N, C-alpha and C. Protein backbone atom coordinates (compact mmCIF):
# COMPACT_ATOMS: atom_id res chain seq x y z
N MET A 1 41.57 -121.89 31.96
CA MET A 1 40.37 -121.74 31.13
C MET A 1 40.31 -120.17 31.23
N PRO A 2 40.16 -119.25 29.93
CA PRO A 2 39.62 -118.17 30.06
C PRO A 2 38.24 -118.01 30.64
N PHE A 3 38.10 -116.79 31.05
CA PHE A 3 36.79 -116.63 31.91
C PHE A 3 35.82 -116.29 30.85
N ASP A 4 34.45 -117.17 30.84
CA ASP A 4 33.63 -116.89 29.73
C ASP A 4 32.29 -116.37 30.43
N TYR A 5 31.96 -114.97 30.00
CA TYR A 5 30.64 -114.38 30.51
C TYR A 5 29.63 -115.31 30.55
N LYS A 6 29.22 -115.65 29.26
CA LYS A 6 28.12 -116.38 28.82
C LYS A 6 28.02 -117.45 29.75
N LYS A 7 29.05 -118.44 30.18
CA LYS A 7 28.87 -119.69 31.06
C LYS A 7 28.73 -119.11 32.36
N GLU A 8 29.46 -118.00 32.89
CA GLU A 8 29.78 -117.62 34.11
C GLU A 8 28.41 -116.87 34.39
N TYR A 9 27.57 -116.02 33.70
CA TYR A 9 26.57 -115.57 34.05
C TYR A 9 25.37 -116.09 33.00
N ARG A 10 25.15 -117.10 33.50
CA ARG A 10 24.04 -117.87 32.38
C ARG A 10 22.94 -117.20 32.45
N GLU A 11 22.34 -116.41 33.84
CA GLU A 11 21.55 -115.90 33.92
C GLU A 11 21.13 -114.77 33.08
N PHE A 12 22.27 -114.25 32.60
CA PHE A 12 22.24 -113.00 31.47
C PHE A 12 22.23 -113.44 30.07
N TYR A 13 22.70 -114.67 29.83
CA TYR A 13 23.39 -114.42 28.64
C TYR A 13 22.45 -116.19 27.81
N LEU A 14 22.07 -116.74 28.95
CA LEU A 14 21.80 -118.20 28.48
C LEU A 14 20.59 -118.40 29.06
N PRO A 15 19.31 -117.54 28.75
CA PRO A 15 18.25 -117.82 29.46
C PRO A 15 17.33 -119.12 28.56
N LYS A 16 16.39 -119.72 29.17
CA LYS A 16 15.32 -120.51 28.61
C LYS A 16 14.70 -119.90 27.39
N ASN A 17 14.25 -120.59 26.72
CA ASN A 17 13.07 -120.38 25.29
C ASN A 17 11.76 -119.93 25.87
N ARG A 18 11.94 -119.52 27.35
CA ARG A 18 10.32 -119.12 27.64
C ARG A 18 10.76 -117.73 28.42
N PRO A 19 9.79 -116.88 28.38
CA PRO A 19 10.19 -115.74 29.31
C PRO A 19 10.32 -115.74 30.90
N GLU A 20 11.22 -114.85 31.34
CA GLU A 20 11.34 -115.10 32.74
C GLU A 20 11.68 -113.51 33.10
N LEU A 21 11.46 -113.10 34.69
CA LEU A 21 12.00 -111.85 34.96
C LEU A 21 13.43 -112.03 35.36
N VAL A 22 14.25 -110.80 35.29
CA VAL A 22 15.74 -110.81 35.77
C VAL A 22 16.08 -109.24 35.98
N CYS A 23 16.81 -109.50 37.05
CA CYS A 23 17.28 -107.77 37.44
C CYS A 23 18.64 -107.76 37.04
N VAL A 24 19.08 -106.71 36.27
CA VAL A 24 20.36 -106.84 35.60
C VAL A 24 21.03 -105.39 36.20
N PRO A 25 22.35 -105.99 36.77
CA PRO A 25 22.87 -104.75 37.39
C PRO A 25 23.42 -103.95 36.57
N ALA A 26 24.44 -103.13 36.98
CA ALA A 26 25.55 -102.19 36.43
C ALA A 26 26.27 -102.85 35.65
N MET A 27 26.70 -102.17 34.36
CA MET A 27 27.82 -102.98 33.46
C MET A 27 28.24 -101.87 32.47
N ASN A 28 29.73 -101.94 32.44
CA ASN A 28 30.20 -100.96 31.50
C ASN A 28 30.25 -101.85 30.02
N PHE A 29 30.44 -101.00 29.02
CA PHE A 29 30.67 -101.52 27.71
C PHE A 29 31.13 -100.41 26.70
N LEU A 30 31.68 -101.06 25.84
CA LEU A 30 32.16 -100.23 24.55
C LEU A 30 30.74 -99.95 23.77
N ALA A 31 30.58 -98.67 23.02
CA ALA A 31 29.25 -98.71 22.46
C ALA A 31 29.79 -97.56 21.17
N ILE A 32 28.71 -97.71 20.51
CA ILE A 32 28.50 -96.85 19.11
C ILE A 32 27.24 -96.60 18.80
N ARG A 33 26.90 -95.45 18.98
CA ARG A 33 25.40 -95.20 18.18
C ARG A 33 25.22 -94.64 16.95
N GLY A 34 24.07 -95.25 16.37
CA GLY A 34 23.92 -95.07 14.88
C GLY A 34 22.14 -95.24 14.49
N SER A 35 22.29 -95.05 13.26
CA SER A 35 20.58 -95.42 12.52
C SER A 35 20.77 -96.25 11.37
N GLY A 36 19.64 -96.64 10.78
CA GLY A 36 19.77 -97.35 9.34
C GLY A 36 19.37 -98.56 9.88
N ASP A 37 19.34 -99.30 8.48
CA ASP A 37 18.98 -100.66 8.36
C ASP A 37 20.28 -101.42 8.46
N PRO A 38 20.29 -102.47 9.76
CA PRO A 38 21.83 -103.06 9.96
C PRO A 38 21.94 -104.03 8.78
N ASN A 39 21.16 -104.38 7.96
CA ASN A 39 21.50 -105.39 6.99
C ASN A 39 22.20 -104.38 5.87
N GLN A 40 22.39 -103.22 5.57
CA GLN A 40 22.79 -102.71 4.35
C GLN A 40 24.38 -103.01 4.42
N GLU A 41 24.63 -103.42 3.26
CA GLU A 41 26.28 -103.63 3.03
C GLU A 41 27.10 -102.45 3.28
N ASP A 42 28.19 -102.66 3.92
CA ASP A 42 29.01 -101.71 4.33
C ASP A 42 28.45 -100.23 4.83
N GLY A 43 27.23 -100.58 5.43
CA GLY A 43 26.55 -99.41 6.09
C GLY A 43 27.18 -99.18 7.64
N ALA A 44 26.50 -98.34 7.94
CA ALA A 44 26.98 -97.67 9.61
C ALA A 44 27.02 -99.12 10.49
N TYR A 45 26.02 -99.72 10.37
CA TYR A 45 25.59 -100.80 11.59
C TYR A 45 27.06 -101.55 11.38
N LYS A 46 27.57 -102.38 10.23
CA LYS A 46 28.52 -103.28 10.15
C LYS A 46 29.61 -102.62 10.38
N GLN A 47 30.27 -100.92 9.90
CA GLN A 47 31.24 -100.35 9.98
C GLN A 47 31.32 -100.31 11.96
N ALA A 48 30.22 -99.85 12.56
CA ALA A 48 30.33 -99.85 14.07
C ALA A 48 30.62 -101.30 14.56
N ILE A 49 30.24 -102.47 14.29
CA ILE A 49 30.35 -103.72 15.02
C ILE A 49 31.92 -104.05 14.42
N GLY A 50 32.90 -103.51 13.36
CA GLY A 50 33.93 -103.68 13.22
C GLY A 50 34.90 -102.73 14.29
N LYS A 51 34.59 -101.69 14.20
CA LYS A 51 35.08 -101.02 15.41
C LYS A 51 35.06 -101.49 16.73
N LEU A 52 33.87 -101.90 17.27
CA LEU A 52 34.02 -102.27 18.46
C LEU A 52 34.62 -103.54 18.87
N TYR A 53 34.77 -104.51 17.58
CA TYR A 53 35.59 -105.52 17.99
C TYR A 53 37.15 -105.06 17.96
N GLY A 54 37.29 -104.28 17.14
CA GLY A 54 38.67 -104.00 17.18
C GLY A 54 39.28 -103.58 18.57
N VAL A 55 38.12 -102.44 19.29
CA VAL A 55 39.02 -102.25 20.64
C VAL A 55 38.59 -103.17 21.51
N ALA A 56 37.45 -104.08 21.40
CA ALA A 56 37.20 -105.17 22.05
C ALA A 56 38.90 -106.15 22.23
N PHE A 57 39.36 -106.42 21.09
CA PHE A 57 40.50 -107.33 20.99
C PHE A 57 41.73 -106.53 21.43
N THR A 58 41.77 -105.37 21.18
CA THR A 58 43.08 -104.72 21.81
C THR A 58 43.23 -104.61 23.22
N LEU A 59 41.79 -104.69 23.90
CA LEU A 59 41.94 -104.76 25.37
C LEU A 59 42.16 -106.09 26.04
N LYS A 60 41.73 -107.07 25.08
CA LYS A 60 41.97 -108.60 25.46
C LYS A 60 43.23 -108.90 25.08
N MET A 61 44.06 -108.27 24.11
CA MET A 61 45.60 -108.80 23.80
C MET A 61 46.41 -107.31 24.49
N SER A 62 45.87 -106.55 25.44
CA SER A 62 46.34 -105.41 25.90
C SER A 62 48.16 -106.01 26.58
N ARG A 63 48.20 -106.83 27.05
CA ARG A 63 49.49 -107.26 27.53
C ARG A 63 50.41 -107.58 26.54
N LYS A 64 50.20 -108.18 25.35
CA LYS A 64 51.13 -108.02 24.27
C LYS A 64 51.39 -107.19 23.71
N ALA A 65 50.46 -105.77 23.83
CA ALA A 65 51.14 -104.72 23.41
C ALA A 65 51.96 -103.99 24.62
N GLY A 66 51.94 -104.52 25.60
CA GLY A 66 52.89 -103.43 26.56
C GLY A 66 52.24 -102.78 27.51
N HIS A 67 50.62 -102.98 27.33
CA HIS A 67 49.67 -102.08 28.36
C HIS A 67 49.20 -103.20 29.39
N ASP A 68 49.49 -102.93 30.65
CA ASP A 68 49.21 -103.47 31.69
C ASP A 68 48.12 -102.90 32.37
N ILE A 69 47.34 -103.90 32.60
CA ILE A 69 45.88 -103.54 33.27
C ILE A 69 45.54 -104.32 34.57
N GLU A 70 45.70 -103.37 35.40
CA GLU A 70 45.38 -103.93 37.01
C GLU A 70 44.23 -104.81 37.03
N GLY A 71 44.54 -106.19 37.71
CA GLY A 71 43.18 -107.06 37.92
C GLY A 71 42.99 -107.88 36.87
N PHE A 72 43.58 -107.58 35.63
CA PHE A 72 43.64 -108.28 34.49
C PHE A 72 43.61 -109.90 34.46
N PHE A 73 42.81 -110.59 33.88
CA PHE A 73 42.69 -111.81 33.74
C PHE A 73 42.16 -112.01 32.20
N GLU A 74 42.84 -113.24 31.62
CA GLU A 74 42.30 -113.83 30.59
C GLU A 74 40.74 -114.17 30.21
N TYR A 75 40.07 -113.72 28.91
CA TYR A 75 38.93 -113.93 29.23
C TYR A 75 38.37 -113.99 27.68
N VAL A 76 37.15 -114.85 27.40
CA VAL A 76 36.28 -114.43 26.03
C VAL A 76 36.00 -113.40 25.93
N VAL A 77 36.17 -112.38 24.77
CA VAL A 77 35.40 -111.38 24.47
C VAL A 77 33.73 -111.51 24.56
N PRO A 78 33.06 -111.12 25.18
CA PRO A 78 31.58 -111.39 25.49
C PRO A 78 30.89 -110.86 24.16
N PRO A 79 29.39 -111.52 23.80
CA PRO A 79 28.84 -111.25 22.53
C PRO A 79 28.75 -109.79 22.21
N LEU A 80 28.49 -109.56 21.08
CA LEU A 80 27.67 -108.39 20.41
C LEU A 80 26.42 -108.29 20.80
N GLU A 81 25.98 -107.24 21.46
CA GLU A 81 24.56 -106.69 22.14
C GLU A 81 24.08 -105.18 21.15
N GLY A 82 22.84 -105.03 21.52
CA GLY A 82 22.13 -103.89 20.87
C GLY A 82 21.03 -103.33 21.32
N PHE A 83 20.89 -101.91 21.42
CA PHE A 83 19.74 -101.29 22.00
C PHE A 83 19.02 -100.99 20.61
N TRP A 84 18.00 -101.21 20.45
CA TRP A 84 16.93 -100.71 19.21
C TRP A 84 15.84 -99.76 19.63
N TRP A 85 15.47 -98.67 18.89
CA TRP A 85 14.41 -97.99 18.89
C TRP A 85 13.96 -97.43 17.57
N MET A 86 12.92 -97.01 17.56
CA MET A 86 12.50 -96.38 16.05
C MET A 86 12.94 -94.68 16.07
N GLU A 87 13.10 -94.12 14.70
CA GLU A 87 13.20 -92.71 14.57
C GLU A 87 12.33 -91.79 14.99
N ASP A 88 10.91 -92.36 15.21
CA ASP A 88 9.87 -91.46 15.78
C ASP A 88 9.96 -91.72 17.03
N GLY A 89 10.67 -92.24 17.54
CA GLY A 89 10.40 -92.05 19.03
C GLY A 89 9.08 -92.87 19.82
N LYS A 90 8.62 -94.00 18.99
CA LYS A 90 7.56 -94.65 19.50
C LYS A 90 8.19 -96.11 20.22
N PRO A 91 7.58 -96.43 21.26
CA PRO A 91 7.91 -97.33 21.86
C PRO A 91 7.71 -98.83 20.79
N GLY A 92 8.53 -99.86 20.97
CA GLY A 92 8.40 -100.88 20.19
C GLY A 92 9.28 -100.82 18.71
N ILE A 93 9.43 -101.77 18.11
CA ILE A 93 10.34 -101.90 16.66
C ILE A 93 9.47 -102.39 15.78
N ASP A 94 9.57 -101.58 14.72
CA ASP A 94 8.57 -101.89 13.43
C ASP A 94 9.79 -102.29 12.56
N TYR A 95 9.59 -103.99 12.46
CA TYR A 95 10.56 -104.86 11.54
C TYR A 95 10.36 -104.28 10.05
N SER A 96 9.48 -103.59 9.64
CA SER A 96 9.10 -103.48 8.43
C SER A 96 9.71 -102.09 7.85
N LYS A 97 10.23 -101.22 8.61
CA LYS A 97 11.01 -100.26 8.47
C LYS A 97 12.28 -99.99 8.92
N LYS A 98 13.26 -100.94 8.72
CA LYS A 98 14.56 -101.04 9.23
C LYS A 98 15.34 -99.89 8.96
N GLU A 99 14.77 -99.36 8.12
CA GLU A 99 15.52 -98.08 7.63
C GLU A 99 15.57 -96.78 8.76
N ASN A 100 14.35 -97.03 9.55
CA ASN A 100 14.10 -95.91 10.59
C ASN A 100 14.39 -96.33 11.94
N PHE A 101 15.45 -97.55 11.79
CA PHE A 101 16.11 -98.02 13.35
C PHE A 101 17.20 -97.16 13.48
N GLN A 102 16.87 -96.89 15.06
CA GLN A 102 17.75 -96.40 16.20
C GLN A 102 18.41 -97.27 17.09
N TRP A 103 19.89 -97.25 16.82
CA TRP A 103 20.65 -98.34 17.57
C TRP A 103 21.78 -97.69 18.33
N ILE A 104 22.18 -98.73 19.70
CA ILE A 104 23.51 -98.55 20.10
C ILE A 104 23.87 -99.93 20.01
N SER A 105 25.21 -99.98 19.28
CA SER A 105 25.77 -101.49 19.40
C SER A 105 26.92 -101.38 20.52
N LEU A 106 26.93 -102.65 21.18
CA LEU A 106 27.60 -102.42 22.41
C LEU A 106 28.48 -104.16 22.60
N ILE A 107 29.41 -103.85 23.43
CA ILE A 107 30.02 -105.22 23.63
C ILE A 107 30.48 -104.90 25.23
N ARG A 108 30.13 -105.74 25.97
CA ARG A 108 30.34 -105.76 27.47
C ARG A 108 32.11 -105.77 27.66
N LEU A 109 32.10 -104.75 28.66
CA LEU A 109 33.58 -104.71 29.16
C LEU A 109 33.60 -105.41 30.46
N PRO A 110 35.04 -106.14 30.75
CA PRO A 110 35.30 -106.53 31.94
C PRO A 110 35.41 -105.63 33.16
N ASP A 111 35.25 -105.59 34.51
CA ASP A 111 34.91 -104.69 35.23
C ASP A 111 36.49 -104.06 35.69
N PHE A 112 37.35 -104.91 35.39
CA PHE A 112 38.86 -104.15 35.43
C PHE A 112 38.95 -103.23 34.49
N VAL A 113 38.20 -103.01 33.28
CA VAL A 113 39.05 -102.19 32.41
C VAL A 113 38.35 -100.65 32.93
N THR A 114 39.23 -99.79 32.92
CA THR A 114 38.86 -98.29 33.59
C THR A 114 38.99 -97.51 31.98
N ARG A 115 38.34 -96.41 32.47
CA ARG A 115 38.53 -95.35 31.45
C ARG A 115 39.75 -94.99 30.88
N ASP A 116 40.62 -94.91 31.54
CA ASP A 116 42.01 -94.61 31.16
C ASP A 116 42.49 -95.74 29.97
N ASP A 117 41.94 -97.01 30.31
CA ASP A 117 42.46 -98.65 29.66
C ASP A 117 41.76 -97.99 28.45
N PHE A 118 40.50 -97.91 28.39
CA PHE A 118 39.59 -97.24 27.37
C PHE A 118 40.11 -96.47 26.09
N ILE A 119 40.78 -95.48 26.68
CA ILE A 119 41.09 -94.47 25.88
C ILE A 119 42.27 -95.04 25.19
N TRP A 120 43.16 -95.63 26.15
CA TRP A 120 44.59 -96.38 25.11
C TRP A 120 43.95 -97.41 24.17
N ALA A 121 42.93 -98.18 24.42
CA ALA A 121 42.80 -98.90 23.73
C ALA A 121 42.24 -98.54 22.09
N VAL A 122 41.39 -97.00 22.43
CA VAL A 122 40.85 -96.54 21.09
C VAL A 122 41.79 -95.95 20.42
N GLU A 123 42.92 -95.43 21.10
CA GLU A 123 43.90 -94.87 20.46
C GLU A 123 45.15 -95.90 19.68
N GLU A 124 45.25 -97.06 20.18
CA GLU A 124 46.10 -98.24 19.81
C GLU A 124 45.20 -98.79 18.72
N ALA A 125 43.82 -98.91 18.95
CA ALA A 125 43.22 -99.56 17.81
C ALA A 125 43.25 -98.57 16.49
N ALA A 126 43.20 -97.37 16.73
CA ALA A 126 43.28 -96.19 15.68
C ALA A 126 44.49 -96.24 15.06
N HIS A 127 45.53 -96.42 15.61
CA HIS A 127 46.96 -96.43 15.07
C HIS A 127 47.22 -97.50 14.18
N LYS A 128 46.48 -98.79 14.71
CA LYS A 128 46.94 -99.87 13.89
C LYS A 128 46.03 -100.08 12.74
N LYS A 129 44.90 -99.67 12.88
CA LYS A 129 44.14 -100.05 11.66
C LYS A 129 43.95 -98.65 10.68
N GLN A 130 44.67 -97.81 11.35
CA GLN A 130 44.61 -96.50 10.39
C GLN A 130 43.20 -95.84 10.24
N ASP A 131 42.36 -96.01 11.26
CA ASP A 131 40.94 -95.55 10.92
C ASP A 131 40.68 -94.71 12.45
N ASP A 132 39.72 -94.05 11.95
CA ASP A 132 38.98 -93.11 13.21
C ASP A 132 38.35 -94.06 13.90
N PHE A 133 38.36 -93.84 15.12
CA PHE A 133 37.84 -94.81 16.31
C PHE A 133 37.27 -93.76 17.46
N SER A 134 36.84 -92.59 17.22
CA SER A 134 36.82 -91.66 18.04
C SER A 134 35.11 -91.73 18.39
N ASP A 135 34.38 -92.40 17.54
CA ASP A 135 32.88 -92.58 17.76
C ASP A 135 32.66 -93.94 18.76
N VAL A 136 33.63 -94.29 19.07
CA VAL A 136 33.49 -95.68 20.21
C VAL A 136 33.64 -95.16 21.88
N GLU A 137 32.42 -95.28 22.51
CA GLU A 137 32.15 -94.62 23.72
C GLU A 137 32.72 -95.82 24.83
N PHE A 138 32.82 -95.37 25.98
CA PHE A 138 32.68 -96.16 27.44
C PHE A 138 31.31 -95.75 27.81
N PHE A 139 30.50 -97.08 27.69
CA PHE A 139 29.28 -96.67 28.20
C PHE A 139 28.66 -97.60 29.36
N SER A 140 28.39 -96.75 30.59
CA SER A 140 27.99 -97.34 31.64
C SER A 140 26.48 -97.50 31.82
N TYR A 141 25.89 -98.59 32.15
CA TYR A 141 24.17 -98.67 32.12
C TYR A 141 23.74 -99.56 33.00
N THR A 142 23.10 -99.28 33.94
CA THR A 142 21.98 -100.27 34.74
C THR A 142 20.73 -100.31 34.23
N GLU A 143 20.43 -101.66 33.89
CA GLU A 143 19.14 -101.98 33.03
C GLU A 143 18.07 -102.18 33.91
N GLY A 144 18.42 -102.79 35.31
CA GLY A 144 17.24 -103.14 36.12
C GLY A 144 16.35 -104.23 35.94
N GLU A 145 15.26 -104.43 36.34
CA GLU A 145 13.93 -105.49 35.98
C GLU A 145 13.60 -105.51 34.65
N CYS A 146 13.68 -106.55 34.02
CA CYS A 146 13.48 -106.44 32.66
C CYS A 146 12.65 -108.02 32.44
N VAL A 147 12.02 -108.44 31.41
CA VAL A 147 11.99 -109.89 31.08
C VAL A 147 12.44 -110.06 29.55
N GLN A 148 12.65 -111.36 30.08
CA GLN A 148 13.68 -111.56 28.77
C GLN A 148 13.33 -112.99 28.43
N CYS A 149 14.16 -113.55 27.10
CA CYS A 149 13.45 -114.99 26.43
C CYS A 149 14.72 -115.12 25.53
N MET A 150 15.00 -116.41 25.30
CA MET A 150 15.92 -116.71 24.18
C MET A 150 14.86 -116.93 23.02
N HIS A 151 15.16 -116.08 22.06
CA HIS A 151 14.53 -116.01 20.34
C HIS A 151 15.48 -117.14 19.54
N LEU A 152 14.86 -117.89 19.02
CA LEU A 152 15.42 -119.20 18.32
C LEU A 152 14.83 -118.86 16.76
N GLY A 153 15.45 -118.66 15.90
CA GLY A 153 15.05 -118.51 14.38
C GLY A 153 15.59 -116.99 14.08
N PRO A 154 14.90 -116.67 12.74
CA PRO A 154 15.29 -115.48 12.30
C PRO A 154 15.14 -114.25 12.98
N TYR A 155 15.75 -113.20 12.58
CA TYR A 155 15.18 -111.70 13.59
C TYR A 155 14.11 -111.56 13.27
N ASP A 156 13.32 -111.66 11.89
CA ASP A 156 12.22 -111.12 11.63
C ASP A 156 11.05 -111.86 12.17
N GLY A 157 11.36 -112.82 13.12
CA GLY A 157 10.42 -113.86 13.65
C GLY A 157 10.22 -113.52 15.10
N GLU A 158 10.90 -112.58 15.61
CA GLU A 158 11.05 -111.97 17.00
C GLU A 158 9.80 -111.34 17.55
N PRO A 159 8.72 -110.56 16.67
CA PRO A 159 7.62 -110.24 17.17
C PRO A 159 6.78 -111.24 17.98
N GLU A 160 6.55 -112.26 17.45
CA GLU A 160 5.87 -113.29 18.23
C GLU A 160 6.67 -113.76 19.50
N THR A 161 7.74 -113.76 19.95
CA THR A 161 8.39 -113.87 20.75
C THR A 161 8.20 -112.54 21.91
N ILE A 162 8.42 -111.64 21.43
CA ILE A 162 8.32 -110.47 21.99
C ILE A 162 6.42 -110.26 22.24
N ARG A 163 5.69 -111.00 22.00
CA ARG A 163 4.28 -110.96 22.17
C ARG A 163 4.17 -112.01 23.52
N ARG A 164 5.02 -112.90 23.48
CA ARG A 164 4.86 -113.88 24.53
C ARG A 164 5.57 -113.10 25.79
N MET A 165 6.31 -112.67 25.79
CA MET A 165 7.17 -111.72 26.53
C MET A 165 5.93 -110.76 27.24
N GLU A 166 5.49 -109.91 26.62
CA GLU A 166 4.44 -108.79 26.85
C GLU A 166 3.46 -109.58 27.71
N VAL A 167 2.96 -110.91 27.36
CA VAL A 167 1.82 -111.56 28.08
C VAL A 167 2.42 -112.06 29.44
N PHE A 168 3.80 -112.53 29.45
CA PHE A 168 4.05 -112.98 30.64
C PHE A 168 4.49 -111.98 31.61
N ALA A 169 4.65 -110.73 31.22
CA ALA A 169 5.02 -109.47 31.97
C ALA A 169 3.43 -109.40 32.65
N GLU A 170 2.54 -109.16 31.74
CA GLU A 170 1.41 -108.68 32.33
C GLU A 170 0.83 -109.96 33.08
N GLN A 171 1.20 -111.20 33.19
CA GLN A 171 0.72 -112.23 34.01
C GLN A 171 1.27 -112.33 35.32
N ASN A 172 2.25 -111.43 35.19
CA ASN A 172 3.47 -111.13 36.73
C ASN A 172 3.24 -109.80 37.18
N GLY A 173 2.27 -109.07 36.89
CA GLY A 173 2.00 -107.97 37.28
C GLY A 173 3.10 -106.77 37.14
N ARG A 174 3.51 -106.92 35.58
CA ARG A 174 4.38 -106.06 35.17
C ARG A 174 3.71 -105.66 33.81
N GLN A 175 4.26 -104.31 33.28
CA GLN A 175 4.29 -103.79 32.08
C GLN A 175 5.60 -103.32 31.50
N LEU A 176 5.46 -103.49 30.18
CA LEU A 176 7.05 -103.04 29.24
C LEU A 176 6.95 -101.44 29.65
N ASP A 177 8.38 -101.22 29.64
CA ASP A 177 8.48 -99.84 30.26
C ASP A 177 9.88 -99.39 29.23
N ILE A 178 9.63 -99.54 28.00
CA ILE A 178 10.40 -99.04 26.99
C ILE A 178 10.18 -97.54 26.91
N SER A 179 11.24 -96.85 27.12
CA SER A 179 11.54 -95.42 27.01
C SER A 179 12.78 -95.00 26.36
N LYS A 180 13.11 -93.44 26.89
CA LYS A 180 14.14 -92.84 26.33
C LYS A 180 15.37 -93.42 26.93
N GLY A 181 15.19 -93.59 28.11
CA GLY A 181 16.27 -94.54 28.80
C GLY A 181 16.50 -95.92 28.89
N ARG A 182 15.27 -96.43 28.44
CA ARG A 182 14.98 -98.06 28.78
C ARG A 182 14.72 -98.25 27.18
N PHE A 183 15.67 -99.55 26.85
CA PHE A 183 15.69 -99.72 25.48
C PHE A 183 15.34 -101.52 25.50
N HIS A 184 14.63 -101.62 24.07
CA HIS A 184 14.67 -103.11 23.48
C HIS A 184 16.22 -103.49 23.24
N HIS A 185 16.53 -104.57 24.13
CA HIS A 185 17.54 -105.08 23.66
C HIS A 185 17.77 -106.25 23.57
N GLU A 186 18.84 -106.75 22.49
CA GLU A 186 19.29 -108.16 21.77
C GLU A 186 20.45 -108.24 22.36
N ILE A 187 20.99 -109.53 22.29
CA ILE A 187 22.38 -110.33 22.41
C ILE A 187 22.43 -111.63 21.55
N TYR A 188 23.43 -111.18 20.70
CA TYR A 188 23.78 -111.93 19.52
C TYR A 188 24.36 -112.97 19.94
N LEU A 189 23.86 -114.47 20.12
CA LEU A 189 24.88 -115.63 20.32
C LEU A 189 25.17 -116.52 19.43
N SER A 190 24.64 -115.92 18.02
CA SER A 190 25.32 -116.68 16.56
C SER A 190 25.79 -115.58 15.71
N ASP A 191 26.73 -116.01 14.86
CA ASP A 191 27.12 -115.21 13.91
C ASP A 191 26.01 -115.44 12.93
N ALA A 192 25.33 -114.52 12.60
CA ALA A 192 24.56 -114.51 11.28
C ALA A 192 25.06 -114.40 9.85
N ARG A 193 26.30 -114.40 9.66
CA ARG A 193 27.50 -114.53 8.72
C ARG A 193 27.47 -115.94 8.54
N ARG A 194 27.42 -116.35 9.25
CA ARG A 194 27.55 -118.06 8.88
C ARG A 194 26.73 -119.21 9.32
N CYS A 195 25.48 -118.55 10.32
CA CYS A 195 24.58 -119.54 10.61
C CYS A 195 23.25 -119.46 10.02
N ASP A 196 22.65 -120.63 9.81
CA ASP A 196 21.13 -120.82 8.98
C ASP A 196 20.54 -119.82 9.95
N PRO A 197 19.75 -118.94 9.35
CA PRO A 197 18.74 -118.21 10.04
C PRO A 197 17.82 -118.90 11.10
N LYS A 198 17.36 -120.41 10.83
CA LYS A 198 16.38 -120.83 11.59
C LYS A 198 17.28 -121.36 12.76
N ASN A 199 18.70 -121.12 12.97
CA ASN A 199 19.58 -121.66 14.04
C ASN A 199 19.88 -120.32 14.73
N LEU A 200 19.84 -119.60 14.64
CA LEU A 200 19.92 -118.23 15.12
C LEU A 200 19.62 -118.22 16.53
N LYS A 201 20.62 -117.83 17.58
CA LYS A 201 20.05 -117.63 19.03
C LYS A 201 19.93 -116.09 19.59
N THR A 202 19.27 -115.54 19.75
CA THR A 202 19.34 -114.15 20.41
C THR A 202 18.71 -113.99 21.64
N VAL A 203 19.12 -113.57 22.87
CA VAL A 203 18.45 -113.00 23.86
C VAL A 203 17.95 -112.13 23.46
N ILE A 204 16.71 -111.63 23.72
CA ILE A 204 15.39 -110.65 23.78
C ILE A 204 15.29 -110.07 25.35
N ARG A 205 15.60 -109.05 25.37
CA ARG A 205 15.42 -108.25 27.05
C ARG A 205 14.43 -107.20 26.68
N LEU A 206 13.52 -106.98 27.49
CA LEU A 206 12.51 -105.63 27.64
C LEU A 206 12.64 -105.22 28.90
N PRO A 207 12.77 -103.74 28.81
CA PRO A 207 12.64 -103.36 30.75
C PRO A 207 11.18 -103.38 31.01
N VAL A 208 10.63 -103.43 32.30
CA VAL A 208 9.56 -103.49 32.72
C VAL A 208 9.44 -102.57 34.04
N LYS A 209 8.22 -102.47 34.25
CA LYS A 209 7.98 -102.10 35.78
C LYS A 209 6.68 -102.40 36.26
N ALA A 210 6.25 -101.95 37.60
CA ALA A 210 5.06 -102.53 38.15
C ALA A 210 4.26 -102.20 37.30
N ALA A 211 2.66 -103.03 36.99
CA ALA A 211 1.98 -102.59 36.13
C ALA A 211 0.58 -101.41 37.02
N SER A 212 0.40 -100.51 36.43
CA SER A 212 -0.56 -99.45 36.83
C SER A 212 -1.74 -100.07 36.78
N SER A 213 -2.54 -99.72 38.04
CA SER A 213 -4.16 -100.14 38.12
C SER A 213 -4.83 -99.21 37.32
N ARG A 214 -6.27 -99.83 36.94
CA ARG A 214 -6.98 -98.96 36.36
C ARG A 214 -7.31 -97.71 36.90
N GLU A 215 -7.12 -97.48 38.28
CA GLU A 215 -7.63 -96.38 39.00
C GLU A 215 -6.56 -95.37 39.06
N GLU A 216 -5.04 -95.79 38.80
CA GLU A 216 -3.94 -95.28 38.48
C GLU A 216 -3.96 -94.25 36.98
N GLU A 217 -4.57 -95.27 36.30
CA GLU A 217 -4.46 -94.83 34.75
C GLU A 217 -5.30 -93.69 34.46
N LEU A 218 -6.20 -93.46 35.18
CA LEU A 218 -7.50 -92.82 35.17
C LEU A 218 -7.17 -91.38 35.88
N VAL A 219 -6.23 -91.14 36.75
CA VAL A 219 -5.80 -90.17 37.47
C VAL A 219 -5.38 -89.19 36.56
């Protein structure tokens, strides 16, 4: 059976529908940066997703293309993920202003994929698709301690789940730590094109740090 990251790392991909703390280690990703409303037809976000999957499946099928990757094993391509923030740089997401979204779309890479393998896959995908894949990055990221929760339902209903996560963090001596290098993070376990919005499953993950005391805030 192909290695399935969702099943093998359930603590990162299949949390409960209640907030919990998790420490996320370093991982490598395919990534594309962009901005704007993700729902825009043929917009930058949907084009980015197509490119990410193009490179991801090129790596998955690398043996058939004659490219041998040391340590390769059969695997299921991990789910699409996204880092999100607002154009003005303020913490949090304003769901009423999707046109001002800034984002990094990602797909996790197996640890055996090196930068050289990544470069090969980008060039191979560009050749096969006759398209420019130069905006796809090899992205390394250590997320650290976060609060996460499975959100069930439409994306526009996420604020209520986020409020529960923030309360949970405070009850456990943490506070949200969304900043320039730490992001509002979502992992998409459902295909929004084929799934009823009420049945969508989305992992929401928010970075946290130890809560500041009142005395520290006054210094």
